[in-house]
Amino acid sequence: MLMVKALVSVTLVLFSVIDIPGSLPVIINMKRQGVVINALMATLIAGVLMIAFLFFGNSILGLFGIEISSFALAGSLIIFFIGLEMTLGIRFFRDMDQEGSEGTIVPIAFPLLAGAGTLTTIISLKSEFSSMPIIGGILINLLIVYIVLNSTAWLSRKISNKTLDSLRKIFGILLIAIAIQMFKANISL
C-alpha cells in the first residue's frame, strides 16, 4: 500500500512538472508550421534523460562542472524564448522555419518534456522516494506523453485555429511566467 501511495505521489508530481496538457498548444503549433515530431522517439529520448538523471544526474552535471541551478537557468531561457514565440509570434528558432524541419529532440524531448524542471524534480524526488516508484511514475507519464504526442494530428483537427491561437498565447504567457520563476529560483546574485 505504501508503494502504491508513493507511485501515485511521484506520478502526480511529475505530471504537473512535465505538463503535457500545457505543452499541447506548443506541439500543435509546431506541427502546423511543418515541424516533424516523432512521438515515439521524443518519448524515448525524454525517458532516457529522465532515467539517466534519476541515477546519474548529479554526476552528469558534475562531470561538466555544471551546477543544477545553472542547468535550470539554461532550461528556463529556452522555455522563455518558446513562450515569447508563442505569445508575440516572433521566431527565435530559425532552423525550424523550413517545412519538414526536425523538432523531436529540441525542443520537444528537451526542454518541454525532460526539461530542467523535470530533471531537477527527479533528482529531488530521490531524497523522498526509492527508485522503483520514481521509475514507475516516469513510465506512466511517458505513456501519457506518447499518447498525447501521437494524437496531436487528431487534436489539431478538433481544435479550431481561433481556439488554438488563444491557447497558444495563454500558454505562452504561462511558459514565460514559469521560465521567470525558474530563473528567479536559481539565480544567485
C-alpha atoms as a PDB file:
ATOM      1  CA  MET A   1       0.000   0.000   0.000  1.00  0.00           C
ATOM      2  CA  LEU A   2       2.873   2.349   0.815  1.00  0.00           C
ATOM      3  CA  MET A   3       4.455   1.630  -2.586  1.00  0.00           C
ATOM      4  CA  VAL A   4       1.178   2.461  -4.390  1.00  0.00           C
ATOM      5  CA  LYS A   5       0.883   5.748  -2.474  1.00  0.00           C
ATOM      6  CA  ALA A   6       4.484   6.630  -3.388  1.00  0.00           C
ATOM      7  CA  LEU A   7       3.831   5.736  -7.042  1.00  0.00           C
ATOM      8  CA  VAL A   8       0.715   7.924  -7.174  1.00  0.00           C
ATOM      9  CA  SER A   9       2.531  10.819  -5.479  1.00  0.00           C
ATOM     10  CA  VAL A  10       5.540  10.649  -7.818  1.00  0.00           C
ATOM     11  CA  THR A  11       3.296  10.267 -10.881  1.00  0.00           C
ATOM     12  CA  LEU A  12       1.237  13.343  -9.982  1.00  0.00           C
ATOM     13  CA  VAL A  13       4.303  15.446  -9.185  1.00  0.00           C
ATOM     14  CA  LEU A  14       5.936  14.528 -12.490  1.00  0.00           C
ATOM     15  CA  PHE A  15       2.673  15.017 -14.414  1.00  0.00           C
ATOM     16  CA  SER A  16       2.394  18.576 -13.103  1.00  0.00           C
ATOM     17  CA  VAL A  17       6.052  19.365 -13.856  1.00  0.00           C
ATOM     18  CA  ILE A  18       6.105  17.775 -17.322  1.00  0.00           C
ATOM     19  CA  ASP A  19       2.763  19.492 -18.039  1.00  0.00           C
ATOM     20  CA  ILE A  20       1.954  17.744 -21.312  1.00  0.00           C
ATOM     21  CA  PRO A  21      -1.520  19.385 -21.474  1.00  0.00           C
ATOM     22  CA  GLY A  22       0.167  22.782 -21.195  1.00  0.00           C
ATOM     23  CA  SER A  23       2.668  21.854 -23.912  1.00  0.00           C
ATOM     24  CA  LEU A  24      -0.054  20.741 -26.313  1.00  0.00           C
ATOM     25  CA  PRO A  25      -0.574  24.180 -27.922  1.00  0.00           C
ATOM     26  CA  VAL A  26       3.205  24.431 -28.494  1.00  0.00           C
ATOM     27  CA  ILE A  27       3.324  20.986 -30.079  1.00  0.00           C
ATOM     28  CA  ILE A  28       0.258  21.547 -32.285  1.00  0.00           C
ATOM     29  CA  ASN A  29       1.587  24.939 -33.359  1.00  0.00           C
ATOM     30  CA  MET A  30       4.942  23.410 -34.307  1.00  0.00           C
ATOM     31  CA  LYS A  31       3.241  20.638 -36.287  1.00  0.00           C
ATOM     32  CA  ARG A  32       1.079  23.190 -38.113  1.00  0.00           C
ATOM     33  CA  GLN A  33       4.280  25.016 -39.064  1.00  0.00           C
ATOM     34  CA  GLY A  34       5.562  21.811 -40.644  1.00  0.00           C
ATOM     35  CA  VAL A  35       7.965  20.746 -37.901  1.00  0.00           C
ATOM     36  CA  VAL A  36       8.356  16.972 -37.851  1.00  0.00           C
ATOM     37  CA  ILE A  37       7.881  15.392 -34.422  1.00  0.00           C
ATOM     38  CA  ASN A  38       8.421  11.665 -33.986  1.00  0.00           C
ATOM     39  CA  ALA A  39       6.218  10.779 -30.980  1.00  0.00           C
ATOM     40  CA  LEU A  40       7.994   7.523 -30.139  1.00  0.00           C
ATOM     41  CA  MET A  41      11.496   8.983 -30.481  1.00  0.00           C
ATOM     42  CA  ALA A  42      10.650  12.095 -28.413  1.00  0.00           C
ATOM     43  CA  THR A  43       9.121   9.901 -25.701  1.00  0.00           C
ATOM     44  CA  LEU A  44      12.095   7.514 -25.653  1.00  0.00           C
ATOM     45  CA  ILE A  45      14.678  10.307 -25.566  1.00  0.00           C
ATOM     46  CA  ALA A  46      12.812  12.101 -22.781  1.00  0.00           C
ATOM     47  CA  GLY A  47      12.594   8.777 -20.916  1.00  0.00           C
ATOM     48  CA  VAL A  48      16.316   8.102 -21.280  1.00  0.00           C
ATOM     49  CA  LEU A  49      17.087  11.602 -19.995  1.00  0.00           C
ATOM     50  CA  MET A  50      14.755  11.160 -17.008  1.00  0.00           C
ATOM     51  CA  ILE A  51      16.099   7.715 -16.058  1.00  0.00           C
ATOM     52  CA  ALA A  52      19.704   8.880 -16.556  1.00  0.00           C
ATOM     53  CA  PHE A  53      19.084  11.833 -14.264  1.00  0.00           C
ATOM     54  CA  LEU A  54      17.471   9.596 -11.679  1.00  0.00           C
ATOM     55  CA  PHE A  55      20.645   7.560 -11.330  1.00  0.00           C
ATOM     56  CA  PHE A  56      23.408   9.849 -12.574  1.00  0.00           C
ATOM     57  CA  GLY A  57      22.030  13.423 -12.553  1.00  0.00           C
ATOM     58  CA  ASN A  58      24.416  14.951 -10.066  1.00  0.00           C
ATOM     59  CA  SER A  59      27.353  13.051 -11.573  1.00  0.00           C
ATOM     60  CA  ILE A  60      26.481  14.013 -15.165  1.00  0.00           C
ATOM     61  CA  LEU A  61      26.276  17.690 -14.314  1.00  0.00           C
ATOM     62  CA  GLY A  62      29.355  17.447 -12.078  1.00  0.00           C
ATOM     63  CA  LEU A  63      31.319  15.879 -14.942  1.00  0.00           C
ATOM     64  CA  PHE A  64      30.850  19.096 -16.894  1.00  0.00           C
ATOM     65  CA  GLY A  65      31.254  21.283 -13.820  1.00  0.00           C
ATOM     66  CA  ILE A  66      27.641  22.423 -14.079  1.00  0.00           C
ATOM     67  CA  GLU A  67      25.558  23.117 -11.010  1.00  0.00           C
ATOM     68  CA  ILE A  68      21.882  22.117 -11.004  1.00  0.00           C
ATOM     69  CA  SER A  69      20.945  25.792 -10.738  1.00  0.00           C
ATOM     70  CA  SER A  70      22.921  26.645 -13.901  1.00  0.00           C
ATOM     71  CA  PHE A  71      21.245  23.772 -15.727  1.00  0.00           C
ATOM     72  CA  ALA A  72      17.860  25.045 -14.585  1.00  0.00           C
ATOM     73  CA  LEU A  73      18.753  28.580 -15.727  1.00  0.00           C
ATOM     74  CA  ALA A  74      19.647  27.331 -19.215  1.00  0.00           C
ATOM     75  CA  GLY A  75      16.353  25.443 -19.436  1.00  0.00           C
ATOM     76  CA  SER A  76      14.456  28.496 -18.208  1.00  0.00           C
ATOM     77  CA  LEU A  77      15.927  30.633 -21.002  1.00  0.00           C
ATOM     78  CA  ILE A  78      14.850  28.135 -23.681  1.00  0.00           C
ATOM     79  CA  ILE A  79      11.364  27.963 -22.180  1.00  0.00           C
ATOM     80  CA  PHE A  80      11.283  31.785 -22.015  1.00  0.00           C
ATOM     81  CA  PHE A  81      12.061  32.123 -25.721  1.00  0.00           C
ATOM     82  CA  ILE A  82       9.499  29.462 -26.667  1.00  0.00           C
ATOM     83  CA  GLY A  83       6.940  31.414 -24.609  1.00  0.00           C
ATOM     84  CA  LEU A  84       7.860  34.640 -26.421  1.00  0.00           C
ATOM     85  CA  GLU A  85       7.444  32.911 -29.779  1.00  0.00           C
ATOM     86  CA  MET A  86       4.002  31.682 -28.766  1.00  0.00           C
ATOM     87  CA  THR A  87       2.818  34.987 -27.336  1.00  0.00           C
ATOM     88  CA  LEU A  88       4.296  37.504 -29.757  1.00  0.00           C
ATOM     89  CA  GLY A  89       4.663  35.445 -32.917  1.00  0.00           C
ATOM     90  CA  ILE A  90       8.402  36.213 -33.063  1.00  0.00           C
ATOM     91  CA  ARG A  91      10.667  33.453 -34.436  1.00  0.00           C
ATOM     92  CA  PHE A  92      13.822  32.699 -32.432  1.00  0.00           C
ATOM     93  CA  PHE A  93      14.414  29.136 -33.581  1.00  0.00           C
ATOM     94  CA  ARG A  94      15.244  29.852 -37.234  1.00  0.00           C
ATOM     95  CA  ASP A  95      16.217  26.286 -38.101  1.00  0.00           C
ATOM     96  CA  MET A  96      12.567  25.365 -37.694  1.00  0.00           C
ATOM     97  CA  ASP A  97      11.450  27.761 -40.421  1.00  0.00           C
ATOM     98  CA  GLN A  98      11.572  25.196 -43.189  1.00  0.00           C
ATOM     99  CA  GLU A  99       8.829  22.697 -43.852  1.00  0.00           C
ATOM    100  CA  GLY A 100       9.896  19.316 -42.530  1.00  0.00           C
ATOM    101  CA  SER A 101      12.435  20.599 -40.004  1.00  0.00           C
ATOM    102  CA  GLU A 102      13.038  18.345 -37.027  1.00  0.00           C
ATOM    103  CA  GLY A 103      11.712  19.186 -33.557  1.00  0.00           C
ATOM    104  CA  THR A 104      11.766  15.764 -31.907  1.00  0.00           C
ATOM    105  CA  ILE A 105      14.812  16.204 -29.685  1.00  0.00           C
ATOM    106  CA  VAL A 106      14.900  20.002 -29.256  1.00  0.00           C
ATOM    107  CA  PRO A 107      12.549  21.472 -28.147  1.00  0.00           C
ATOM    108  CA  ILE A 108      10.132  18.531 -27.593  1.00  0.00           C
ATOM    109  CA  ALA A 109      12.187  15.877 -25.737  1.00  0.00           C
ATOM    110  CA  PHE A 110      14.291  18.626 -24.153  1.00  0.00           C
ATOM    111  CA  PRO A 111      13.285  21.057 -22.657  1.00  0.00           C
ATOM    112  CA  LEU A 112       9.494  20.652 -22.983  1.00  0.00           C
ATOM    113  CA  LEU A 113       9.246  17.062 -21.713  1.00  0.00           C
ATOM    114  CA  ALA A 114      12.513  16.370 -19.913  1.00  0.00           C
ATOM    115  CA  GLY A 115      13.474  19.929 -19.137  1.00  0.00           C
ATOM    116  CA  ALA A 116      15.432  21.386 -16.292  1.00  0.00           C
ATOM    117  CA  GLY A 117      12.358  21.463 -14.068  1.00  0.00           C
ATOM    118  CA  THR A 118      11.560  17.797 -14.677  1.00  0.00           C
ATOM    119  CA  LEU A 119      15.155  16.637 -14.297  1.00  0.00           C
ATOM    120  CA  THR A 120      15.823  18.592 -11.119  1.00  0.00           C
ATOM    121  CA  THR A 121      12.482  17.361  -9.735  1.00  0.00           C
ATOM    122  CA  ILE A 122      13.568  13.770 -10.403  1.00  0.00           C
ATOM    123  CA  ILE A 123      16.840  14.387  -8.573  1.00  0.00           C
ATOM    124  CA  SER A 124      14.977  15.895  -5.620  1.00  0.00           C
ATOM    125  CA  LEU A 125      12.403  13.037  -5.548  1.00  0.00           C
ATOM    126  CA  LYS A 126      15.313  10.680  -4.795  1.00  0.00           C
ATOM    127  CA  SER A 127      15.583  12.200  -1.333  1.00  0.00           C
ATOM    128  CA  GLU A 128      11.976  11.255  -0.526  1.00  0.00           C
ATOM    129  CA  PHE A 129      11.237   8.076  -2.503  1.00  0.00           C
ATOM    130  CA  SER A 130      13.045   4.904  -3.565  1.00  0.00           C
ATOM    131  CA  SER A 131      13.924   4.362  -7.220  1.00  0.00           C
ATOM    132  CA  MET A 132      11.047   1.978  -8.023  1.00  0.00           C
ATOM    133  CA  PRO A 133       8.139   4.433  -7.555  1.00  0.00           C
ATOM    134  CA  ILE A 134      10.120   7.120  -9.375  1.00  0.00           C
ATOM    135  CA  ILE A 135      10.752   4.798 -12.330  1.00  0.00           C
ATOM    136  CA  GLY A 136       7.068   3.800 -12.262  1.00  0.00           C
ATOM    137  CA  GLY A 137       5.987   7.453 -12.209  1.00  0.00           C
ATOM    138  CA  ILE A 138       8.318   8.237 -15.104  1.00  0.00           C
ATOM    139  CA  LEU A 139       6.957   5.317 -17.154  1.00  0.00           C
ATOM    140  CA  ILE A 140       3.317   6.241 -16.503  1.00  0.00           C
ATOM    141  CA  ASN A 141       3.995   9.832 -17.551  1.00  0.00           C
ATOM    142  CA  LEU A 142       5.884   8.678 -20.642  1.00  0.00           C
ATOM    143  CA  LEU A 143       2.866   6.605 -21.661  1.00  0.00           C
ATOM    144  CA  ILE A 144       0.640   9.688 -21.297  1.00  0.00           C
ATOM    145  CA  VAL A 145       3.165  11.795 -23.230  1.00  0.00           C
ATOM    146  CA  TYR A 146       3.312   9.243 -26.055  1.00  0.00           C
ATOM    147  CA  ILE A 147      -0.484   9.080 -26.319  1.00  0.00           C
ATOM    148  CA  VAL A 148      -0.750  12.881 -26.454  1.00  0.00           C
ATOM    149  CA  LEU A 149       2.124  13.270 -28.952  1.00  0.00           C
ATOM    150  CA  ASN A 150       0.678  10.533 -31.119  1.00  0.00           C
ATOM    151  CA  SER A 151      -2.764  12.200 -31.030  1.00  0.00           C
ATOM    152  CA  THR A 152      -1.690  15.725 -31.999  1.00  0.00           C
ATOM    153  CA  ALA A 153      -2.896  15.391 -35.601  1.00  0.00           C
ATOM    154  CA  TRP A 154      -6.345  14.344 -34.381  1.00  0.00           C
ATOM    155  CA  LEU A 155      -6.364  17.009 -31.652  1.00  0.00           C
ATOM    156  CA  SER A 156      -5.264  19.626 -34.170  1.00  0.00           C
ATOM    157  CA  ARG A 157      -8.289  18.848 -36.334  1.00  0.00           C
ATOM    158  CA  LYS A 158     -10.632  19.064 -33.337  1.00  0.00           C
ATOM    159  CA  ILE A 159      -9.307  22.414 -32.093  1.00  0.00           C
ATOM    160  CA  SER A 160     -10.159  25.440 -34.255  1.00  0.00           C
ATOM    161  CA  ASN A 161      -7.466  27.886 -35.351  1.00  0.00           C
ATOM    162  CA  LYS A 162      -9.010  30.646 -33.236  1.00  0.00           C
ATOM    163  CA  THR A 163      -9.071  28.439 -30.122  1.00  0.00           C
ATOM    164  CA  LEU A 164      -5.533  27.234 -30.807  1.00  0.00           C
ATOM    165  CA  ASP A 165      -4.274  30.813 -31.236  1.00  0.00           C
ATOM    166  CA  SER A 166      -5.879  31.813 -27.941  1.00  0.00           C
ATOM    167  CA  LEU A 167      -4.490  28.752 -26.158  1.00  0.00           C
ATOM    168  CA  ARG A 168      -1.062  29.317 -27.715  1.00  0.00           C
ATOM    169  CA  LYS A 169      -0.937  32.882 -26.347  1.00  0.00           C
ATOM    170  CA  ILE A 170      -2.259  31.909 -22.916  1.00  0.00           C
ATOM    171  CA  PHE A 171       0.187  29.026 -22.576  1.00  0.00           C
ATOM    172  CA  GLY A 172       2.949  31.214 -23.995  1.00  0.00           C
ATOM    173  CA  ILE A 173       2.393  33.673 -21.140  1.00  0.00           C
ATOM    174  CA  LEU A 174       2.345  30.755 -18.690  1.00  0.00           C
ATOM    175  CA  LEU A 175       5.634  29.454 -20.131  1.00  0.00           C
ATOM    176  CA  ILE A 176       7.181  32.908 -19.732  1.00  0.00           C
ATOM    177  CA  ALA A 177       5.979  33.020 -16.119  1.00  0.00           C
ATOM    178  CA  ILE A 178       7.353  29.522 -15.444  1.00  0.00           C
ATOM    179  CA  ALA A 179      10.664  30.498 -17.033  1.00  0.00           C
ATOM    180  CA  ILE A 180      10.902  33.657 -14.925  1.00  0.00           C
ATOM    181  CA  GLN A 181      10.043  31.699 -11.781  1.00  0.00           C
ATOM    182  CA  MET A 182      12.704  29.076 -12.617  1.00  0.00           C
ATOM    183  CA  PHE A 183      15.181  31.856 -13.333  1.00  0.00           C
ATOM    184  CA  LYS A 184      14.437  33.640 -10.037  1.00  0.00           C
ATOM    185  CA  ALA A 185      14.650  30.403  -8.048  1.00  0.00           C
ATOM    186  CA  ASN A 186      18.047  29.501  -9.491  1.00  0.00           C
ATOM    187  CA  ILE A 187      19.811  32.850  -9.886  1.00  0.00           C
ATOM    188  CA  SER A 188      22.423  33.681  -7.308  1.00  0.00           C
ATOM    189  CA  LEU A 189      23.479  37.296  -7.152  1.00  0.00           C
END
